[in-house]
């Protein structure tokens, strides 16, 4: 699934799930990577962080909220995915 929203300033939000390869996102193309309640589900965490470090522009930011509660017991899905933000460069 891919969702793009023009923010009026040449920026867009790109939501990708699932992603399976670091090459799916261009190197040094992202200003911000944000995840919420995602990384606690990732098996290849070291590889995931390596991929994100390649994707970020120099000076870019990664912001992650890791949920250590038992949310997997909830009767609904977790909506696992990544939200990637870039200024389109």
Protein backbone atom coordinates (compact mmCIF):
# COMPACT_ATOMS: atom_id res chain seq x y z
CA UNK A 1 0.00 0.00 0.00
CA UNK A 2 1.30 3.46 -0.83
CA UNK A 3 -0.35 6.69 0.27
CA UNK A 4 0.93 10.06 -0.90
CA UNK A 5 -0.39 13.37 0.29
CA UNK A 6 0.84 16.63 -1.22
CA UNK A 7 1.49 19.08 1.59
CA UNK A 8 1.58 22.10 -0.73
CA UNK A 9 5.30 22.70 -0.32
CA UNK A 10 6.71 19.89 -2.41
CA UNK A 11 6.69 17.51 0.55
CA UNK A 12 4.80 14.27 0.72
CA UNK A 13 4.06 11.48 3.16
CA UNK A 14 4.64 7.96 1.91
CA UNK A 15 3.22 5.07 3.97
CA UNK A 16 4.68 1.67 3.09
CA UNK A 17 3.72 -1.71 4.44
CA UNK A 18 5.15 -4.23 4.26
CA UNK A 19 8.63 -3.32 3.09
CA UNK A 20 11.00 -6.18 2.42
CA UNK A 21 14.17 -4.67 0.99
CA UNK A 22 16.36 -1.67 1.85
CA UNK A 23 16.48 -0.86 -1.88
CA UNK A 24 12.76 0.02 -1.83
CA UNK A 25 13.71 3.50 -0.57
CA UNK A 26 16.43 5.58 -2.23
CA UNK A 27 19.58 6.19 -0.18
CA UNK A 28 19.82 9.59 1.53
CA UNK A 29 16.30 10.53 0.41
CA UNK A 30 14.40 10.97 3.69
CA UNK A 31 14.28 13.83 6.17
CA UNK A 32 12.33 11.88 8.80
CA UNK A 33 11.43 8.27 9.56
CA UNK A 34 8.67 7.78 12.13
CA UNK A 35 7.27 4.56 13.54
CA UNK A 36 4.84 3.84 16.33
CA UNK A 37 4.39 0.36 17.82
CA UNK A 38 6.33 -1.17 14.90
CA UNK A 39 9.87 -2.02 15.94
CA UNK A 40 8.85 -4.39 18.72
CA UNK A 41 7.50 -6.66 15.95
CA UNK A 42 10.62 -6.64 13.76
CA UNK A 43 12.72 -9.81 13.72
CA UNK A 44 15.72 -8.35 11.86
CA UNK A 45 16.07 -5.25 14.02
CA UNK A 46 19.76 -4.64 13.28
CA UNK A 47 19.14 -4.87 9.52
CA UNK A 48 16.15 -2.55 9.89
CA UNK A 49 18.20 0.13 11.65
CA UNK A 50 20.96 -0.24 9.05
CA UNK A 51 18.42 0.28 6.24
CA UNK A 52 16.95 3.33 7.93
CA UNK A 53 20.41 4.85 8.40
CA UNK A 54 21.00 4.47 4.65
CA UNK A 55 17.62 6.05 3.81
CA UNK A 56 18.08 9.16 5.98
CA UNK A 57 19.67 12.29 4.57
CA UNK A 58 22.64 13.65 6.52
CA UNK A 59 21.08 15.50 9.45
CA UNK A 60 17.79 13.58 9.05
CA UNK A 61 15.77 12.34 12.01
CA UNK A 62 14.37 8.97 13.07
CA UNK A 63 11.64 8.97 15.70
CA UNK A 64 10.34 5.66 17.04
CA UNK A 65 7.80 4.85 19.72
CA UNK A 66 8.32 1.30 20.95
CA UNK A 67 5.35 -0.21 22.77
CA UNK A 68 6.45 -2.69 25.44
CA UNK A 69 2.90 -3.38 26.64
CA UNK A 70 0.84 -6.42 25.74
CA UNK A 71 -0.98 -4.74 22.87
CA UNK A 72 -0.83 -7.99 20.88
CA UNK A 73 -3.64 -9.18 23.15
CA UNK A 74 -5.99 -6.54 21.76
CA UNK A 75 -8.92 -7.89 19.68
CA UNK A 76 -7.90 -5.77 16.65
CA UNK A 77 -4.86 -5.49 14.37
CA UNK A 78 -1.81 -3.36 15.08
CA UNK A 79 -1.51 -1.61 11.69
CA UNK A 80 2.23 -2.22 11.41
CA UNK A 81 3.91 0.04 8.86
CA UNK A 82 6.38 2.83 8.24
CA UNK A 83 5.63 6.46 7.51
CA UNK A 84 8.34 8.13 5.45
CA UNK A 85 8.55 11.90 4.99
CA UNK A 86 10.61 13.67 2.36
CA UNK A 87 10.71 17.06 0.73
CA UNK A 88 10.74 15.36 -2.67
CA UNK A 89 14.44 15.94 -3.45
